[in-house]
Amino acid sequence: TAFEKQANQNKSGYFMGSSLSLFDIQLYNLIHFFDDQESVQKALADCPNLKAIHDKVEQTPAIKKWLAERPETMF
């Protein structure tokens, strides 16, 4: 995909630039937007750079903390 190609061009581990950006966070949110996470993960198998960005965002200390502590909602 075009997103995968762009992600491959940036060697920092982020989509663009050298640090976490709003786009990286939005990409993470988009991946988790869909209910069928099994299909999403299968699709990501063909996009290793996007998967790596997703994983890097998820391991960001402040985001990791928020995910562990956030209130449970239907969203």
PDB file of N, CA and C in Angstrom:
ATOM      1  N   THR A   1       0.835  -1.187   0.000  1.00  0.00           N
ATOM      2  CA  THR A   1       0.000   0.000   0.000  1.00  0.00           C
ATOM      3  C   THR A   1       0.878   1.249   0.000  1.00  0.00           C
ATOM      4  N   ALA A   2       0.280   2.366  -0.301  1.00  0.00           N
ATOM      5  CA  ALA A   2       1.029   3.629  -0.272  1.00  0.00           C
ATOM      6  C   ALA A   2       1.511   3.942   1.139  1.00  0.00           C
ATOM      7  N   PHE A   3       0.679   3.636   2.138  1.00  0.00           N
ATOM      8  CA  PHE A   3       1.091   3.880   3.523  1.00  0.00           C
ATOM      9  C   PHE A   3       2.286   3.005   3.897  1.00  0.00           C
ATOM     10  N   GLU A   4       2.253   1.755   3.497  1.00  0.00           N
ATOM     11  CA  GLU A   4       3.361   0.842   3.802  1.00  0.00           C
ATOM     12  C   GLU A   4       4.642   1.326   3.121  1.00  0.00           C
ATOM     13  N   LYS A   5       4.505   1.773   1.877  1.00  0.00           N
ATOM     14  CA  LYS A   5       5.670   2.269   1.142  1.00  0.00           C
ATOM     15  C   LYS A   5       6.264   3.497   1.838  1.00  0.00           C
ATOM     16  N   GLN A   6       5.415   4.433   2.259  1.00  0.00           N
ATOM     17  CA  GLN A   6       5.885   5.629   2.967  1.00  0.00           C
ATOM     18  C   GLN A   6       6.543   5.248   4.289  1.00  0.00           C
ATOM     19  N   ALA A   7       5.922   4.343   5.024  1.00  0.00           N
ATOM     20  CA  ALA A   7       6.478   3.916   6.314  1.00  0.00           C
ATOM     21  C   ALA A   7       7.845   3.273   6.125  1.00  0.00           C
ATOM     22  N   ASN A   8       8.040   2.581   5.026  1.00  0.00           N
ATOM     23  CA  ASN A   8       9.318   1.933   4.741  1.00  0.00           C
ATOM     24  C   ASN A   8      10.420   2.949   4.458  1.00  0.00           C
ATOM     25  N   GLN A   9      10.059   4.120   3.968  1.00  0.00           N
ATOM     26  CA  GLN A   9      11.057   5.134   3.624  1.00  0.00           C
ATOM     27  C   GLN A   9      11.640   5.824   4.848  1.00  0.00           C
ATOM     28  N   ASN A  10      10.913   5.832   5.944  1.00  0.00           N
ATOM     29  CA  ASN A  10      11.388   6.502   7.153  1.00  0.00           C
ATOM     30  C   ASN A  10      11.990   5.459   8.085  1.00  0.00           C
ATOM     31  N   LYS A  11      13.261   5.539   8.315  1.00  0.00           N
ATOM     32  CA  LYS A  11      13.970   4.519   9.095  1.00  0.00           C
ATOM     33  C   LYS A  11      13.943   4.780  10.598  1.00  0.00           C
ATOM     34  N   SER A  12      13.190   5.783  11.050  1.00  0.00           N
ATOM     35  CA  SER A  12      13.150   6.113  12.478  1.00  0.00           C
ATOM     36  C   SER A  12      12.230   5.188  13.270  1.00  0.00           C
ATOM     37  N   GLY A  13      11.381   4.441  12.562  1.00  0.00           N
ATOM     38  CA  GLY A  13      10.400   3.617  13.251  1.00  0.00           C
ATOM     39  C   GLY A  13       9.062   4.308  13.393  1.00  0.00           C
ATOM     40  N   TYR A  14       8.996   5.558  12.950  1.00  0.00           N
ATOM     41  CA  TYR A  14       7.744   6.306  12.941  1.00  0.00           C
ATOM     42  C   TYR A  14       7.342   6.549  11.495  1.00  0.00           C
ATOM     43  N   PHE A  15       6.100   6.973  11.286  1.00  0.00           N
ATOM     44  CA  PHE A  15       5.628   7.160   9.921  1.00  0.00           C
ATOM     45  C   PHE A  15       6.382   8.274   9.205  1.00  0.00           C
ATOM     46  N   MET A  16       6.607   9.370   9.911  1.00  0.00           N
ATOM     47  CA  MET A  16       7.383  10.484   9.348  1.00  0.00           C
ATOM     48  C   MET A  16       8.125  11.171  10.485  1.00  0.00           C
ATOM     49  N   GLY A  17       9.231  11.760  10.187  1.00  0.00           N
ATOM     50  CA  GLY A  17      10.002  12.434  11.225  1.00  0.00           C
ATOM     51  C   GLY A  17      10.730  11.444  12.121  1.00  0.00           C
ATOM     52  N   SER A  18      11.276  11.974  13.202  1.00  0.00           N
ATOM     53  CA  SER A  18      12.113  11.145  14.067  1.00  0.00           C
ATOM     54  C   SER A  18      11.501  10.896  15.442  1.00  0.00           C
ATOM     55  N   SER A  19      10.239  11.297  15.610  1.00  0.00           N
ATOM     56  CA  SER A  19       9.591  11.073  16.904  1.00  0.00           C
ATOM     57  C   SER A  19       8.098  10.823  16.698  1.00  0.00           C
ATOM     58  N   LEU A  20       7.455  10.397  17.753  1.00  0.00           N
ATOM     59  CA  LEU A  20       6.029  10.109  17.724  1.00  0.00           C
ATOM     60  C   LEU A  20       5.254  11.337  17.244  1.00  0.00           C
ATOM     61  N   SER A  21       4.333  11.119  16.320  1.00  0.00           N
ATOM     62  CA  SER A  21       3.517  12.215  15.795  1.00  0.00           C
ATOM     63  C   SER A  21       2.038  11.874  15.955  1.00  0.00           C
ATOM     64  N   LEU A  22       1.209  12.860  15.743  1.00  0.00           N
ATOM     65  CA  LEU A  22      -0.230  12.644  15.787  1.00  0.00           C
ATOM     66  C   LEU A  22      -0.641  11.596  14.756  1.00  0.00           C
ATOM     67  N   PHE A  23       0.026  11.581  13.615  1.00  0.00           N
ATOM     68  CA  PHE A  23      -0.318  10.587  12.596  1.00  0.00           C
ATOM     69  C   PHE A  23      -0.076   9.177  13.115  1.00  0.00           C
ATOM     70  N   ASP A  24       1.033   8.956  13.814  1.00  0.00           N
ATOM     71  CA  ASP A  24       1.322   7.633  14.369  1.00  0.00           C
ATOM     72  C   ASP A  24       0.208   7.201  15.325  1.00  0.00           C
ATOM     73  N   ILE A  25      -0.237   8.121  16.156  1.00  0.00           N
ATOM     74  CA  ILE A  25      -1.305   7.822  17.114  1.00  0.00           C
ATOM     75  C   ILE A  25      -2.612   7.553  16.378  1.00  0.00           C
ATOM     76  N   GLN A  26      -2.898   8.333  15.342  1.00  0.00           N
ATOM     77  CA  GLN A  26      -4.114   8.120  14.560  1.00  0.00           C
ATOM     78  C   GLN A  26      -4.070   6.778  13.835  1.00  0.00           C
ATOM     79  N   LEU A  27      -2.903   6.405  13.332  1.00  0.00           N
ATOM     80  CA  LEU A  27      -2.748   5.099  12.689  1.00  0.00           C
ATOM     81  C   LEU A  27      -3.058   3.993  13.691  1.00  0.00           C
ATOM     82  N   TYR A  28      -2.519   4.117  14.888  1.00  0.00           N
ATOM     83  CA  TYR A  28      -2.786   3.150  15.954  1.00  0.00           C
ATOM     84  C   TYR A  28      -4.297   3.076  16.231  1.00  0.00           C
ATOM     85  N   ASN A  29      -4.937   4.232  16.357  1.00  0.00           N
ATOM     86  CA  ASN A  29      -6.385   4.267  16.611  1.00  0.00           C
ATOM     87  C   ASN A  29      -7.177   3.641  15.471  1.00  0.00           C
ATOM     88  N   LEU A  30      -6.772   3.910  14.244  1.00  0.00           N
ATOM     89  CA  LEU A  30      -7.466   3.346  13.088  1.00  0.00           C
ATOM     90  C   LEU A  30      -7.400   1.825  13.108  1.00  0.00           C
ATOM     91  N   ILE A  31      -6.243   1.296  13.429  1.00  0.00           N
ATOM     92  CA  ILE A  31      -6.078  -0.157  13.483  1.00  0.00           C
ATOM     93  C   ILE A  31      -7.007  -0.765  14.532  1.00  0.00           C
ATOM     94  N   HIS A  32      -7.222  -0.060  15.627  1.00  0.00           N
ATOM     95  CA  HIS A  32      -8.068  -0.586  16.700  1.00  0.00           C
ATOM     96  C   HIS A  32      -9.537  -0.199  16.553  1.00  0.00           C
ATOM     97  N   PHE A  33      -9.873   0.560  15.525  1.00  0.00           N
ATOM     98  CA  PHE A  33     -11.244   1.004  15.301  1.00  0.00           C
ATOM     99  C   PHE A  33     -12.162  -0.155  14.914  1.00  0.00           C
ATOM    100  N   PHE A  34     -11.629  -1.099  14.166  1.00  0.00           N
ATOM    101  CA  PHE A  34     -12.439  -2.183  13.617  1.00  0.00           C
ATOM    102  C   PHE A  34     -12.654  -3.299  14.632  1.00  0.00           C
ATOM    103  N   ASP A  35     -13.871  -3.828  14.660  1.00  0.00           N
ATOM    104  CA  ASP A  35     -14.204  -4.900  15.599  1.00  0.00           C
ATOM    105  C   ASP A  35     -13.520  -6.218  15.244  1.00  0.00           C
ATOM    106  N   ASP A  36     -13.339  -6.480  13.968  1.00  0.00           N
ATOM    107  CA  ASP A  36     -12.756  -7.749  13.531  1.00  0.00           C
ATOM    108  C   ASP A  36     -11.229  -7.668  13.562  1.00  0.00           C
ATOM    109  N   GLN A  37     -10.675  -7.706  14.754  1.00  0.00           N
ATOM    110  CA  GLN A  37      -9.230  -7.559  14.910  1.00  0.00           C
ATOM    111  C   GLN A  37      -8.448  -8.723  14.301  1.00  0.00           C
ATOM    112  N   GLU A  38      -9.061  -9.892  14.202  1.00  0.00           N
ATOM    113  CA  GLU A  38      -8.385 -11.025  13.570  1.00  0.00           C
ATOM    114  C   GLU A  38      -8.069 -10.700  12.110  1.00  0.00           C
ATOM    115  N   SER A  39      -9.040 -10.141  11.394  1.00  0.00           N
ATOM    116  CA  SER A  39      -8.818  -9.756   9.994  1.00  0.00           C
ATOM    117  C   SER A  39      -7.823  -8.610   9.885  1.00  0.00           C
ATOM    118  N   VAL A  40      -7.891  -7.676  10.805  1.00  0.00           N
ATOM    119  CA  VAL A  40      -6.952  -6.550  10.805  1.00  0.00           C
ATOM    120  C   VAL A  40      -5.525  -7.067  10.974  1.00  0.00           C
ATOM    121  N   GLN A  41      -5.328  -7.977  11.905  1.00  0.00           N
ATOM    122  CA  GLN A  41      -3.988  -8.514  12.139  1.00  0.00           C
ATOM    123  C   GLN A  41      -3.488  -9.309  10.935  1.00  0.00           C
ATOM    124  N   LYS A  42      -4.381 -10.015  10.255  1.00  0.00           N
ATOM    125  CA  LYS A  42      -4.000 -10.728   9.030  1.00  0.00           C
ATOM    126  C   LYS A  42      -3.564  -9.737   7.956  1.00  0.00           C
ATOM    127  N   ALA A  43      -4.299  -8.637   7.829  1.00  0.00           N
ATOM    128  CA  ALA A  43      -3.941  -7.608   6.846  1.00  0.00           C
ATOM    129  C   ALA A  43      -2.602  -6.972   7.195  1.00  0.00           C
ATOM    130  N   LEU A  44      -2.363  -6.749   8.473  1.00  0.00           N
ATOM    131  CA  LEU A  44      -1.093  -6.145   8.901  1.00  0.00           C
ATOM    132  C   LEU A  44       0.096  -7.059   8.648  1.00  0.00           C
ATOM    133  N   ALA A  45      -0.148  -8.347   8.535  1.00  0.00           N
ATOM    134  CA  ALA A  45       0.942  -9.281   8.251  1.00  0.00           C
ATOM    135  C   ALA A  45       1.617  -8.939   6.922  1.00  0.00           C
ATOM    136  N   ASP A  46       0.864  -8.336   6.012  1.00  0.00           N
ATOM    137  CA  ASP A  46       1.414  -7.919   4.716  1.00  0.00           C
ATOM    138  C   ASP A  46       2.001  -6.510   4.757  1.00  0.00           C
ATOM    139  N   CYS A  47       1.953  -5.875   5.909  1.00  0.00           N
ATOM    140  CA  CYS A  47       2.438  -4.501   6.073  1.00  0.00           C
ATOM    141  C   CYS A  47       3.345  -4.419   7.303  1.00  0.00           C
ATOM    142  N   PRO A  48       4.524  -5.012   7.237  1.00  0.00           N
ATOM    143  CA  PRO A  48       5.378  -5.082   8.426  1.00  0.00           C
ATOM    144  C   PRO A  48       5.805  -3.723   8.974  1.00  0.00           C
ATOM    145  N   ASN A  49       5.938  -2.727   8.123  1.00  0.00           N
ATOM    146  CA  ASN A  49       6.337  -1.402   8.613  1.00  0.00           C
ATOM    147  C   ASN A  49       5.209  -0.729   9.393  1.00  0.00           C
ATOM    148  N   LEU A  50       3.978  -0.863   8.907  1.00  0.00           N
ATOM    149  CA  LEU A  50       2.837  -0.308   9.640  1.00  0.00           C
ATOM    150  C   LEU A  50       2.631  -1.052  10.955  1.00  0.00           C
ATOM    151  N   LYS A  51       2.828  -2.368  10.934  1.00  0.00           N
ATOM    152  CA  LYS A  51       2.716  -3.161  12.166  1.00  0.00           C
ATOM    153  C   LYS A  51       3.775  -2.721  13.168  1.00  0.00           C
ATOM    154  N   ALA A  52       4.984  -2.457  12.691  1.00  0.00           N
ATOM    155  CA  ALA A  52       6.064  -2.013  13.583  1.00  0.00           C
ATOM    156  C   ALA A  52       5.736  -0.655  14.206  1.00  0.00           C
ATOM    157  N   ILE A  53       5.159   0.253  13.421  1.00  0.00           N
ATOM    158  CA  ILE A  53       4.755   1.555  13.960  1.00  0.00           C
ATOM    159  C   ILE A  53       3.673   1.347  15.014  1.00  0.00           C
ATOM    160  N   HIS A  54       2.691   0.528  14.701  1.00  0.00           N
ATOM    161  CA  HIS A  54       1.625   0.215  15.662  1.00  0.00           C
ATOM    162  C   HIS A  54       2.222  -0.278  16.976  1.00  0.00           C
ATOM    163  N   ASP A  55       3.139  -1.229  16.884  1.00  0.00           N
ATOM    164  CA  ASP A  55       3.737  -1.811  18.086  1.00  0.00           C
ATOM    165  C   ASP A  55       4.561  -0.787  18.856  1.00  0.00           C
ATOM    166  N   LYS A  56       5.259   0.074  18.120  1.00  0.00           N
ATOM    167  CA  LYS A  56       6.076   1.105  18.775  1.00  0.00           C
ATOM    168  C   LYS A  56       5.191   2.108  19.518  1.00  0.00           C
ATOM    169  N   VAL A  57       4.092   2.509  18.896  1.00  0.00           N
ATOM    170  CA  VAL A  57       3.153   3.422  19.559  1.00  0.00           C
ATOM    171  C   VAL A  57       2.611   2.756  20.822  1.00  0.00           C
ATOM    172  N   GLU A  58       2.214   1.505  20.708  1.00  0.00           N
ATOM    173  CA  GLU A  58       1.632   0.787  21.846  1.00  0.00           C
ATOM    174  C   GLU A  58       2.611   0.647  23.008  1.00  0.00           C
ATOM    175  N   GLN A  59       3.911   0.640  22.717  1.00  0.00           N
ATOM    176  CA  GLN A  59       4.927   0.497  23.758  1.00  0.00           C
ATOM    177  C   GLN A  59       5.445   1.835  24.289  1.00  0.00           C
ATOM    178  N   THR A  60       4.960   2.939  23.748  1.00  0.00           N
ATOM    179  CA  THR A  60       5.331   4.255  24.269  1.00  0.00           C
ATOM    180  C   THR A  60       4.861   4.325  25.721  1.00  0.00           C
ATOM    181  N   PRO A  61       5.753   4.628  26.672  1.00  0.00           N
ATOM    182  CA  PRO A  61       5.393   4.540  28.094  1.00  0.00           C
ATOM    183  C   PRO A  61       4.091   5.241  28.483  1.00  0.00           C
ATOM    184  N   ALA A  62       3.880   6.461  28.053  1.00  0.00           N
ATOM    185  CA  ALA A  62       2.659   7.182  28.434  1.00  0.00           C
ATOM    186  C   ALA A  62       1.413   6.531  27.832  1.00  0.00           C
ATOM    187  N   ILE A  63       1.518   6.049  26.602  1.00  0.00           N
ATOM    188  CA  ILE A  63       0.377   5.397  25.961  1.00  0.00           C
ATOM    189  C   ILE A  63       0.123   4.039  26.609  1.00  0.00           C
ATOM    190  N   LYS A  64       1.187   3.308  26.865  1.00  0.00           N
ATOM    191  CA  LYS A  64       1.055   2.012  27.532  1.00  0.00           C
ATOM    192  C   LYS A  64       0.367   2.175  28.891  1.00  0.00           C
ATOM    193  N   LYS A  65       0.756   3.209  29.628  1.00  0.00           N
ATOM    194  CA  LYS A  65       0.156   3.488  30.936  1.00  0.00           C
ATOM    195  C   LYS A  65      -1.331   3.808  30.775  1.00  0.00           C
ATOM    196  N   TRP A  66      -1.665   4.671  29.823  1.00  0.00           N
ATOM    197  CA  TRP A  66      -3.064   5.043  29.592  1.00  0.00           C
ATOM    198  C   TRP A  66      -3.895   3.816  29.216  1.00  0.00           C
ATOM    199  N   LEU A  67      -3.376   2.969  28.341  1.00  0.00           N
ATOM    200  CA  LEU A  67      -4.120   1.785  27.931  1.00  0.00           C
ATOM    201  C   LEU A  67      -4.394   0.862  29.117  1.00  0.00           C
ATOM    202  N   ALA A  68      -3.457   0.784  30.042  1.00  0.00           N
ATOM    203  CA  ALA A  68      -3.622  -0.074  31.217  1.00  0.00           C
ATOM    204  C   ALA A  68      -4.601   0.513  32.232  1.00  0.00           C
ATOM    205  N   GLU A  69      -4.674   1.842  32.298  1.00  0.00           N
ATOM    206  CA  GLU A  69      -5.451   2.497  33.356  1.00  0.00           C
ATOM    207  C   GLU A  69      -6.758   3.131  32.902  1.00  0.00           C
ATOM    208  N   ARG A  70      -6.975   3.248  31.613  1.00  0.00           N
ATOM    209  CA  ARG A  70      -8.156   3.974  31.134  1.00  0.00           C
ATOM    210  C   ARG A  70      -9.443   3.290  31.585  1.00  0.00           C
ATOM    211  N   PRO A  71     -10.492   4.078  31.730  1.00  0.00           N
ATOM    212  CA  PRO A  71     -11.776   3.493  32.119  1.00  0.00           C
ATOM    213  C   PRO A  71     -12.319   2.592  31.005  1.00  0.00           C
ATOM    214  N   GLU A  72     -13.004   1.547  31.389  1.00  0.00           N
ATOM    215  CA  GLU A  72     -13.630   0.680  30.400  1.00  0.00           C
ATOM    216  C   GLU A  72     -14.900   1.337  29.891  1.00  0.00           C
ATOM    217  N   THR A  73     -14.996   1.439  28.583  1.00  0.00           N
ATOM    218  CA  THR A  73     -16.199   1.974  27.948  1.00  0.00           C
ATOM    219  C   THR A  73     -16.554   1.077  26.775  1.00  0.00           C
ATOM    220  N   MET A  74     -17.686   1.321  26.170  1.00  0.00           N
ATOM    221  CA  MET A  74     -18.058   0.530  24.999  1.00  0.00           C
ATOM    222  C   MET A  74     -17.229   0.916  23.773  1.00  0.00           C
ATOM    223  N   PHE A  75     -16.465   1.964  23.874  1.00  0.00           N
ATOM    224  CA  PHE A  75     -15.621   2.401  22.765  1.00  0.00           C
ATOM    225  C   PHE A  75     -14.224   1.981  23.030  1.00  0.00           C
TER     226      PHE A  75
END
